[in-house]
PDB file of all heavy atoms in Angstrom:
ATOM      1  N   SER A   1     -39.861 164.125  57.788  1.00  0.00           N
ATOM      2  CA  SER A   1     -39.989 163.263  56.620  1.00  0.00           C
ATOM      3  C   SER A   1     -40.386 161.867  57.079  1.00  0.00           C
ATOM      4  O   SER A   1     -39.998 161.427  58.158  1.00  0.00           O
ATOM      5  CB  SER A   1     -38.682 163.220  55.837  1.00  0.00           C
ATOM      6  OG  SER A   1     -37.677 162.651  56.628  1.00  0.00           O
ATOM      7  N   VAL A   2     -41.145 161.195  56.271  1.00  0.00           N
ATOM      8  CA  VAL A   2     -41.590 159.850  56.594  1.00  0.00           C
ATOM      9  C   VAL A   2     -40.528 158.874  56.113  1.00  0.00           C
ATOM     10  O   VAL A   2     -40.127 158.905  54.946  1.00  0.00           O
ATOM     11  CB  VAL A   2     -42.948 159.549  55.928  1.00  0.00           C
ATOM     12  CG1 VAL A   2     -43.372 158.131  56.206  1.00  0.00           C
ATOM     13  CG2 VAL A   2     -43.994 160.531  56.403  1.00  0.00           C
ATOM     14  N   ARG A   3     -40.061 158.040  57.028  1.00  0.00           N
ATOM     15  CA  ARG A   3     -39.059 157.036  56.676  1.00  0.00           C
ATOM     16  C   ARG A   3     -39.761 155.733  56.324  1.00  0.00           C
ATOM     17  O   ARG A   3     -40.790 155.400  56.919  1.00  0.00           O
ATOM     18  CB  ARG A   3     -38.117 156.788  57.839  1.00  0.00           C
ATOM     19  CG  ARG A   3     -37.208 157.947  58.108  1.00  0.00           C
ATOM     20  CD  ARG A   3     -36.250 157.565  59.186  1.00  0.00           C
ATOM     21  NE  ARG A   3     -35.159 158.508  59.175  1.00  0.00           N
ATOM     22  CZ  ARG A   3     -34.033 158.303  59.809  1.00  0.00           C
ATOM     23  NH1 ARG A   3     -33.837 157.211  60.504  1.00  0.00           N
ATOM     24  NH2 ARG A   3     -33.080 159.194  59.757  1.00  0.00           N
ATOM     25  N   PRO A   4     -39.190 154.986  55.393  1.00  0.00           N
ATOM     26  CA  PRO A   4     -39.800 153.691  55.077  1.00  0.00           C
ATOM     27  C   PRO A   4     -39.704 152.743  56.265  1.00  0.00           C
ATOM     28  O   PRO A   4     -38.757 152.810  57.047  1.00  0.00           O
ATOM     29  CB  PRO A   4     -38.973 153.181  53.898  1.00  0.00           C
ATOM     30  CG  PRO A   4     -37.701 153.953  53.951  1.00  0.00           C
ATOM     31  CD  PRO A   4     -37.995 155.253  54.635  1.00  0.00           C
ATOM     32  N   VAL A   5     -40.699 151.902  56.403  1.00  0.00           N
ATOM     33  CA  VAL A   5     -40.724 150.917  57.474  1.00  0.00           C
ATOM     34  C   VAL A   5     -40.184 149.614  56.903  1.00  0.00           C
ATOM     35  O   VAL A   5     -40.693 149.088  55.919  1.00  0.00           O
ATOM     36  CB  VAL A   5     -42.157 150.742  58.018  1.00  0.00           C
ATOM     37  CG1 VAL A   5     -42.186 149.736  59.139  1.00  0.00           C
ATOM     38  CG2 VAL A   5     -42.703 152.085  58.488  1.00  0.00           C
ATOM     39  N   THR A   6     -39.151 149.097  57.534  1.00  0.00           N
ATOM     40  CA  THR A   6     -38.388 147.978  56.996  1.00  0.00           C
ATOM     41  C   THR A   6     -38.782 146.646  57.626  1.00  0.00           C
ATOM     42  O   THR A   6     -39.070 146.573  58.806  1.00  0.00           O
ATOM     43  CB  THR A   6     -36.884 148.228  57.232  1.00  0.00           C
ATOM     44  OG1 THR A   6     -36.530 149.471  56.636  1.00  0.00           O
ATOM     45  CG2 THR A   6     -36.030 147.128  56.656  1.00  0.00           C
ATOM     46  N   ILE A   7     -38.750 145.611  56.803  1.00  0.00           N
ATOM     47  CA  ILE A   7     -38.899 144.232  57.262  1.00  0.00           C
ATOM     48  C   ILE A   7     -37.531 143.573  57.129  1.00  0.00           C
ATOM     49  O   ILE A   7     -36.878 143.696  56.095  1.00  0.00           O
ATOM     50  CB  ILE A   7     -39.933 143.465  56.414  1.00  0.00           C
ATOM     51  CG1 ILE A   7     -41.325 144.075  56.591  1.00  0.00           C
ATOM     52  CG2 ILE A   7     -39.929 141.973  56.768  1.00  0.00           C
ATOM     53  CD1 ILE A   7     -42.371 143.515  55.647  1.00  0.00           C
ATOM     54  N   VAL A   8     -37.095 142.889  58.187  1.00  0.00           N
ATOM     55  CA  VAL A   8     -35.844 142.150  58.136  1.00  0.00           C
ATOM     56  C   VAL A   8     -36.167 140.671  57.995  1.00  0.00           C
ATOM     57  O   VAL A   8     -36.934 140.113  58.781  1.00  0.00           O
ATOM     58  CB  VAL A   8     -34.995 142.390  59.413  1.00  0.00           C
ATOM     59  CG1 VAL A   8     -33.836 141.415  59.486  1.00  0.00           C
ATOM     60  CG2 VAL A   8     -34.484 143.823  59.449  1.00  0.00           C
ATOM     61  N   LEU A   9     -35.609 140.049  56.972  1.00  0.00           N
ATOM     62  CA  LEU A   9     -35.739 138.613  56.731  1.00  0.00           C
ATOM     63  C   LEU A   9     -34.384 137.976  56.977  1.00  0.00           C
ATOM     64  O   LEU A   9     -33.396 138.346  56.342  1.00  0.00           O
ATOM     65  CB  LEU A   9     -36.206 138.350  55.294  1.00  0.00           C
ATOM     66  CG  LEU A   9     -36.178 136.903  54.814  1.00  0.00           C
ATOM     67  CD1 LEU A   9     -37.068 136.013  55.677  1.00  0.00           C
ATOM     68  CD2 LEU A   9     -36.581 136.829  53.349  1.00  0.00           C
ATOM     69  N   VAL A  10     -34.347 137.035  57.925  1.00  0.00           N
ATOM     70  CA  VAL A  10     -33.099 136.331  58.225  1.00  0.00           C
ATOM     71  C   VAL A  10     -33.287 134.892  57.750  1.00  0.00           C
ATOM     72  O   VAL A  10     -33.985 134.103  58.387  1.00  0.00           O
ATOM     73  CB  VAL A  10     -32.755 136.386  59.727  1.00  0.00           C
ATOM     74  CG1 VAL A  10     -31.357 135.821  59.952  1.00  0.00           C
ATOM     75  CG2 VAL A  10     -32.864 137.804  60.280  1.00  0.00           C
ATOM     76  N   GLU A  11     -32.696 134.572  56.606  1.00  0.00           N
ATOM     77  CA  GLU A  11     -32.902 133.284  55.941  1.00  0.00           C
ATOM     78  C   GLU A  11     -31.647 132.918  55.167  1.00  0.00           C
ATOM     79  O   GLU A  11     -31.205 133.686  54.308  1.00  0.00           O
ATOM     80  CB  GLU A  11     -34.106 133.392  54.999  1.00  0.00           C
ATOM     81  CG  GLU A  11     -34.330 132.215  54.089  1.00  0.00           C
ATOM     82  CD  GLU A  11     -34.613 130.928  54.849  1.00  0.00           C
ATOM     83  OE1 GLU A  11     -35.666 130.812  55.485  1.00  0.00           O
ATOM     84  OE2 GLU A  11     -33.741 130.023  54.775  1.00  0.00           O
ATOM     85  N   ASP A  12     -31.066 131.757  55.469  1.00  0.00           N
ATOM     86  CA  ASP A  12     -29.827 131.364  54.796  1.00  0.00           C
ATOM     87  C   ASP A  12     -30.058 130.705  53.443  1.00  0.00           C
ATOM     88  O   ASP A  12     -29.158 130.664  52.619  1.00  0.00           O
ATOM     89  CB  ASP A  12     -28.987 130.458  55.691  1.00  0.00           C
ATOM     90  CG  ASP A  12     -29.676 129.146  56.017  1.00  0.00           C
ATOM     91  OD1 ASP A  12     -30.896 129.161  56.290  1.00  0.00           O
ATOM     92  OD2 ASP A  12     -29.004 128.106  56.001  1.00  0.00           O
ATOM     93  N   ASP A  13     -31.245 130.211  53.182  1.00  0.00           N
ATOM     94  CA  ASP A  13     -31.557 129.561  51.912  1.00  0.00           C
ATOM     95  C   ASP A  13     -32.066 130.619  50.927  1.00  0.00           C
ATOM     96  O   ASP A  13     -33.149 131.176  51.105  1.00  0.00           O
ATOM     97  CB  ASP A  13     -32.612 128.474  52.137  1.00  0.00           C
ATOM     98  CG  ASP A  13     -32.926 127.691  50.878  1.00  0.00           C
ATOM     99  OD1 ASP A  13     -33.326 128.310  49.867  1.00  0.00           O
ATOM    100  OD2 ASP A  13     -32.802 126.455  50.925  1.00  0.00           O
ATOM    101  N   LEU A  14     -31.274 130.886  49.882  1.00  0.00           N
ATOM    102  CA  LEU A  14     -31.610 131.925  48.917  1.00  0.00           C
ATOM    103  C   LEU A  14     -32.957 131.667  48.244  1.00  0.00           C
ATOM    104  O   LEU A  14     -33.741 132.593  48.030  1.00  0.00           O
ATOM    105  CB  LEU A  14     -30.501 132.045  47.873  1.00  0.00           C
ATOM    106  CG  LEU A  14     -30.604 133.197  46.891  1.00  0.00           C
ATOM    107  CD1 LEU A  14     -30.660 134.531  47.612  1.00  0.00           C
ATOM    108  CD2 LEU A  14     -29.426 133.167  45.929  1.00  0.00           C
ATOM    109  N   GLY A  15     -33.254 130.407  47.942  1.00  0.00           N
ATOM    110  CA  GLY A  15     -34.540 130.063  47.325  1.00  0.00           C
ATOM    111  C   GLY A  15     -35.708 130.375  48.240  1.00  0.00           C
ATOM    112  O   GLY A  15     -36.724 130.927  47.796  1.00  0.00           O
ATOM    113  N   HIS A  16     -35.580 130.038  49.514  1.00  0.00           N
ATOM    114  CA  HIS A  16     -36.641 130.349  50.479  1.00  0.00           C
ATOM    115  C   HIS A  16     -36.794 131.857  50.633  1.00  0.00           C
ATOM    116  O   HIS A  16     -37.913 132.364  50.728  1.00  0.00           O
ATOM    117  CB  HIS A  16     -36.334 129.719  51.834  1.00  0.00           C
ATOM    118  CG  HIS A  16     -36.529 128.244  51.875  1.00  0.00           C
ATOM    119  ND1 HIS A  16     -36.297 127.504  53.007  1.00  0.00           N
ATOM    120  CD2 HIS A  16     -36.932 127.351  50.935  1.00  0.00           C
ATOM    121  CE1 HIS A  16     -36.546 126.238  52.768  1.00  0.00           C
ATOM    122  NE2 HIS A  16     -36.916 126.128  51.504  1.00  0.00           N
ATOM    123  N   ALA A  17     -35.676 132.579  50.668  1.00  0.00           N
ATOM    124  CA  ALA A  17     -35.735 134.036  50.802  1.00  0.00           C
ATOM    125  C   ALA A  17     -36.491 134.650  49.629  1.00  0.00           C
ATOM    126  O   ALA A  17     -37.346 135.528  49.824  1.00  0.00           O
ATOM    127  CB  ALA A  17     -34.326 134.616  50.896  1.00  0.00           C
ATOM    128  N   ARG A  18     -36.218 134.189  48.423  1.00  0.00           N
ATOM    129  CA  ARG A  18     -36.923 134.706  47.244  1.00  0.00           C
ATOM    130  C   ARG A  18     -38.408 134.387  47.302  1.00  0.00           C
ATOM    131  O   ARG A  18     -39.247 135.228  46.969  1.00  0.00           O
ATOM    132  CB  ARG A  18     -36.312 134.126  45.967  1.00  0.00           C
ATOM    133  CG  ARG A  18     -34.995 134.730  45.611  1.00  0.00           C
ATOM    134  CD  ARG A  18     -34.512 134.212  44.275  1.00  0.00           C
ATOM    135  NE  ARG A  18     -33.177 134.704  43.999  1.00  0.00           N
ATOM    136  CZ  ARG A  18     -32.239 133.997  43.409  1.00  0.00           C
ATOM    137  NH1 ARG A  18     -32.472 132.745  43.034  1.00  0.00           N
ATOM    138  NH2 ARG A  18     -31.062 134.509  43.185  1.00  0.00           N
ATOM    139  N   LEU A  19     -38.744 133.166  47.706  1.00  0.00           N
ATOM    140  CA  LEU A  19     -40.145 132.762  47.813  1.00  0.00           C
ATOM    141  C   LEU A  19     -40.882 133.606  48.855  1.00  0.00           C
ATOM    142  O   LEU A  19     -42.002 134.060  48.613  1.00  0.00           O
ATOM    143  CB  LEU A  19     -40.233 131.281  48.178  1.00  0.00           C
ATOM    144  CG  LEU A  19     -41.631 130.707  48.341  1.00  0.00           C
ATOM    145  CD1 LEU A  19     -42.407 130.779  47.036  1.00  0.00           C
ATOM    146  CD2 LEU A  19     -41.549 129.266  48.830  1.00  0.00           C
ATOM    147  N   ILE A  20     -40.272 133.837  49.980  1.00  0.00           N
ATOM    148  CA  ILE A  20     -40.889 134.652  51.027  1.00  0.00           C
ATOM    149  C   ILE A  20     -41.081 136.083  50.539  1.00  0.00           C
ATOM    150  O   ILE A  20     -42.157 136.666  50.703  1.00  0.00           O
ATOM    151  CB  ILE A  20     -40.044 134.597  52.320  1.00  0.00           C
ATOM    152  CG1 ILE A  20     -40.117 133.194  52.925  1.00  0.00           C
ATOM    153  CG2 ILE A  20     -40.501 135.661  53.315  1.00  0.00           C
ATOM    154  CD1 ILE A  20     -39.064 132.916  53.988  1.00  0.00           C
ATOM    155  N   GLU A  21     -40.057 136.641  49.921  1.00  0.00           N
ATOM    156  CA  GLU A  21     -40.176 138.004  49.412  1.00  0.00           C
ATOM    157  C   GLU A  21     -41.264 138.092  48.342  1.00  0.00           C
ATOM    158  O   GLU A  21     -42.090 139.009  48.346  1.00  0.00           O
ATOM    159  CB  GLU A  21     -38.844 138.503  48.853  1.00  0.00           C
ATOM    160  CG  GLU A  21     -38.926 139.946  48.406  1.00  0.00           C
ATOM    161  CD  GLU A  21     -37.591 140.511  47.953  1.00  0.00           C
ATOM    162  OE1 GLU A  21     -36.663 139.737  47.648  1.00  0.00           O
ATOM    163  OE2 GLU A  21     -37.494 141.752  47.918  1.00  0.00           O
ATOM    164  N   ARG A  22     -41.311 137.131  47.441  1.00  0.00           N
ATOM    165  CA  ARG A  22     -42.340 137.108  46.395  1.00  0.00           C
ATOM    166  C   ARG A  22     -43.742 137.020  47.009  1.00  0.00           C
ATOM    167  O   ARG A  22     -44.668 137.696  46.583  1.00  0.00           O
ATOM    168  CB  ARG A  22     -42.095 135.936  45.445  1.00  0.00           C
ATOM    169  CG  ARG A  22     -42.869 136.051  44.153  1.00  0.00           C
ATOM    170  CD  ARG A  22     -42.501 134.977  43.131  1.00  0.00           C
ATOM    171  NE  ARG A  22     -41.075 134.739  43.059  1.00  0.00           N
ATOM    172  CZ  ARG A  22     -40.511 133.539  43.135  1.00  0.00           C
ATOM    173  NH1 ARG A  22     -41.238 132.457  43.285  1.00  0.00           N
ATOM    174  NH2 ARG A  22     -39.204 133.394  43.044  1.00  0.00           N
ATOM    175  N   SER A  23     -43.883 136.192  48.049  1.00  0.00           N
ATOM    176  CA  SER A  23     -45.181 136.060  48.728  1.00  0.00           C
ATOM    177  C   SER A  23     -45.600 137.374  49.373  1.00  0.00           C
ATOM    178  O   SER A  23     -46.774 137.745  49.330  1.00  0.00           O
ATOM    179  CB  SER A  23     -45.113 134.964  49.793  1.00  0.00           C
ATOM    180  OG  SER A  23     -44.917 133.711  49.206  1.00  0.00           O
ATOM    181  N   LEU A  24     -44.649 138.067  49.962  1.00  0.00           N
ATOM    182  CA  LEU A  24     -44.955 139.367  50.555  1.00  0.00           C
ATOM    183  C   LEU A  24     -45.410 140.362  49.490  1.00  0.00           C
ATOM    184  O   LEU A  24     -46.378 141.102  49.698  1.00  0.00           O
ATOM    185  CB  LEU A  24     -43.734 139.921  51.289  1.00  0.00           C
ATOM    186  CG  LEU A  24     -43.387 139.256  52.609  1.00  0.00           C
ATOM    187  CD1 LEU A  24     -42.016 139.701  53.090  1.00  0.00           C
ATOM    188  CD2 LEU A  24     -44.442 139.565  53.651  1.00  0.00           C
ATOM    189  N   ARG A  25     -44.727 140.379  48.370  1.00  0.00           N
ATOM    190  CA  ARG A  25     -45.088 141.314  47.289  1.00  0.00           C
ATOM    191  C   ARG A  25     -46.471 140.979  46.724  1.00  0.00           C
ATOM    192  O   ARG A  25     -47.249 141.886  46.432  1.00  0.00           O
ATOM    193  CB  ARG A  25     -44.037 141.313  46.177  1.00  0.00           C
ATOM    194  CG  ARG A  25     -42.643 141.711  46.640  1.00  0.00           C
ATOM    195  CD  ARG A  25     -42.597 143.077  47.278  1.00  0.00           C
ATOM    196  NE  ARG A  25     -41.246 143.390  47.751  1.00  0.00           N
ATOM    197  CZ  ARG A  25     -41.000 144.098  48.821  1.00  0.00           C
ATOM    198  NH1 ARG A  25     -41.968 144.598  49.560  1.00  0.00           N
ATOM    199  NH2 ARG A  25     -39.754 144.348  49.182  1.00  0.00           N
ATOM    200  N   ARG A  26     -46.786 139.700  46.595  1.00  0.00           N
ATOM    201  CA  ARG A  26     -48.126 139.293  46.125  1.00  0.00           C
ATOM    202  C   ARG A  26     -49.212 139.708  47.109  1.00  0.00           C
ATOM    203  O   ARG A  26     -50.348 139.921  46.718  1.00  0.00           O
ATOM    204  CB  ARG A  26     -48.184 137.785  45.918  1.00  0.00           C
ATOM    205  CG  ARG A  26     -47.562 137.344  44.629  1.00  0.00           C
ATOM    206  CD  ARG A  26     -47.911 135.899  44.353  1.00  0.00           C
ATOM    207  NE  ARG A  26     -46.892 135.340  43.500  1.00  0.00           N
ATOM    208  CZ  ARG A  26     -46.302 134.177  43.679  1.00  0.00           C
ATOM    209  NH1 ARG A  26     -46.647 133.404  44.681  1.00  0.00           N
ATOM    210  NH2 ARG A  26     -45.376 133.761  42.860  1.00  0.00           N
ATOM    211  N   ALA A  27     -48.850 139.776  48.376  1.00  0.00           N
ATOM    212  CA  ALA A  27     -49.797 140.197  49.415  1.00  0.00           C
ATOM    213  C   ALA A  27     -49.836 141.728  49.532  1.00  0.00           C
ATOM    214  O   ALA A  27     -50.412 142.263  50.464  1.00  0.00           O
ATOM    215  CB  ALA A  27     -49.423 139.576  50.751  1.00  0.00           C
ATOM    216  N   HIS A  28     -49.213 142.409  48.572  1.00  0.00           N
ATOM    217  CA  HIS A  28     -49.193 143.873  48.494  1.00  0.00           C
ATOM    218  C   HIS A  28     -48.432 144.521  49.651  1.00  0.00           C
ATOM    219  O   HIS A  28     -48.739 145.638  50.042  1.00  0.00           O
ATOM    220  CB  HIS A  28     -50.616 144.436  48.390  1.00  0.00           C
ATOM    221  CG  HIS A  28     -51.398 143.834  47.273  1.00  0.00           C
ATOM    222  ND1 HIS A  28     -51.122 144.090  45.944  1.00  0.00           N
ATOM    223  CD2 HIS A  28     -52.425 142.954  47.286  1.00  0.00           C
ATOM    224  CE1 HIS A  28     -51.950 143.402  45.181  1.00  0.00           C
ATOM    225  NE2 HIS A  28     -52.752 142.702  45.971  1.00  0.00           N
ATOM    226  N   VAL A  29     -47.464 143.814  50.187  1.00  0.00           N
ATOM    227  CA  VAL A  29     -46.568 144.397  51.187  1.00  0.00           C
ATOM    228  C   VAL A  29     -45.442 145.064  50.411  1.00  0.00           C
ATOM    229  O   VAL A  29     -44.699 144.403  49.689  1.00  0.00           O
ATOM    230  CB  VAL A  29     -46.017 143.323  52.153  1.00  0.00           C
ATOM    231  CG1 VAL A  29     -44.992 143.923  53.101  1.00  0.00           C
ATOM    232  CG2 VAL A  29     -47.156 142.672  52.922  1.00  0.00           C
ATOM    233  N   THR A  30     -45.354 146.377  50.538  1.00  0.00           N
ATOM    234  CA  THR A  30     -44.388 147.139  49.743  1.00  0.00           C
ATOM    235  C   THR A  30     -43.227 147.684  50.574  1.00  0.00           C
ATOM    236  O   THR A  30     -42.429 148.461  50.073  1.00  0.00           O
ATOM    237  CB  THR A  30     -45.094 148.315  49.032  1.00  0.00           C
ATOM    238  OG1 THR A  30     -45.696 149.148  50.026  1.00  0.00           O
ATOM    239  CG2 THR A  30     -46.145 147.810  48.057  1.00  0.00           C
ATOM    240  N   ASN A  31     -43.135 147.272  51.817  1.00  0.00           N
ATOM    241  CA  ASN A  31     -42.065 147.749  52.695  1.00  0.00           C
ATOM    242  C   ASN A  31     -40.698 147.401  52.125  1.00  0.00           C
ATOM    243  O   ASN A  31     -40.540 146.409  51.422  1.00  0.00           O
ATOM    244  CB  ASN A  31     -42.177 147.090  54.076  1.00  0.00           C
ATOM    245  CG  ASN A  31     -43.485 147.381  54.754  1.00  0.00           C
ATOM    246  OD1 ASN A  31     -44.528 146.968  54.285  1.00  0.00           O
ATOM    247  ND2 ASN A  31     -43.431 148.077  55.849  1.00  0.00           N
ATOM    248  N   ASP A  32     -39.714 148.215  52.495  1.00  0.00           N
ATOM    249  CA  ASP A  32     -38.335 147.873  52.179  1.00  0.00           C
ATOM    250  C   ASP A  32     -37.999 146.585  52.916  1.00  0.00           C
ATOM    251  O   ASP A  32     -38.494 146.348  54.021  1.00  0.00           O
ATOM    252  CB  ASP A  32     -37.382 148.974  52.640  1.00  0.00           C
ATOM    253  CG  ASP A  32     -37.496 150.237  51.807  1.00  0.00           C
ATOM    254  OD1 ASP A  32     -38.035 150.175  50.691  1.00  0.00           O
ATOM    255  OD2 ASP A  32     -37.040 151.293  52.291  1.00  0.00           O
ATOM    256  N   MET A  33     -37.167 145.750  52.304  1.00  0.00           N
ATOM    257  CA  MET A  33     -36.739 144.506  52.935  1.00  0.00           C
ATOM    258  C   MET A  33     -35.230 144.455  53.004  1.00  0.00           C
ATOM    259  O   MET A  33     -34.545 144.792  52.043  1.00  0.00           O
ATOM    260  CB  MET A  33     -37.244 143.291  52.155  1.00  0.00           C
ATOM    261  CG  MET A  33     -38.723 143.052  52.341  1.00  0.00           C
ATOM    262  SD  MET A  33     -39.218 141.443  51.715  1.00  0.00           S
ATOM    263  CE  MET A  33     -38.421 140.376  52.873  1.00  0.00           C
ATOM    264  N   VAL A  34     -34.748 144.011  54.149  1.00  0.00           N
ATOM    265  CA  VAL A  34     -33.333 143.729  54.325  1.00  0.00           C
ATOM    266  C   VAL A  34     -33.235 142.217  54.491  1.00  0.00           C
ATOM    267  O   VAL A  34     -33.859 141.656  55.387  1.00  0.00           O
ATOM    268  CB  VAL A  34     -32.764 144.449  55.571  1.00  0.00           C
ATOM    269  CG1 VAL A  34     -31.341 144.007  55.844  1.00  0.00           C
ATOM    270  CG2 VAL A  34     -32.861 145.954  55.412  1.00  0.00           C
ATOM    271  N   ILE A  35     -32.486 141.570  53.608  1.00  0.00           N
ATOM    272  CA  ILE A  35     -32.338 140.120  53.673  1.00  0.00           C
ATOM    273  C   ILE A  35     -30.930 139.811  54.175  1.00  0.00           C
ATOM    274  O   ILE A  35     -29.935 140.253  53.590  1.00  0.00           O
ATOM    275  CB  ILE A  35     -32.599 139.469  52.301  1.00  0.00           C
ATOM    276  CG1 ILE A  35     -34.021 139.789  51.842  1.00  0.00           C
ATOM    277  CG2 ILE A  35     -32.378 137.957  52.383  1.00  0.00           C
ATOM    278  CD1 ILE A  35     -34.358 139.340  50.442  1.00  0.00           C
TER     279      ILE A  35
END
């Protein structure tokens, strides 16, 4: 079975984490994210 490929984001600022995740989604990055 194919497992999802995960991106780990280590960011203490919740606003920055949301902005980074939103930017990734706009760039069509659909990987699972662990924040």
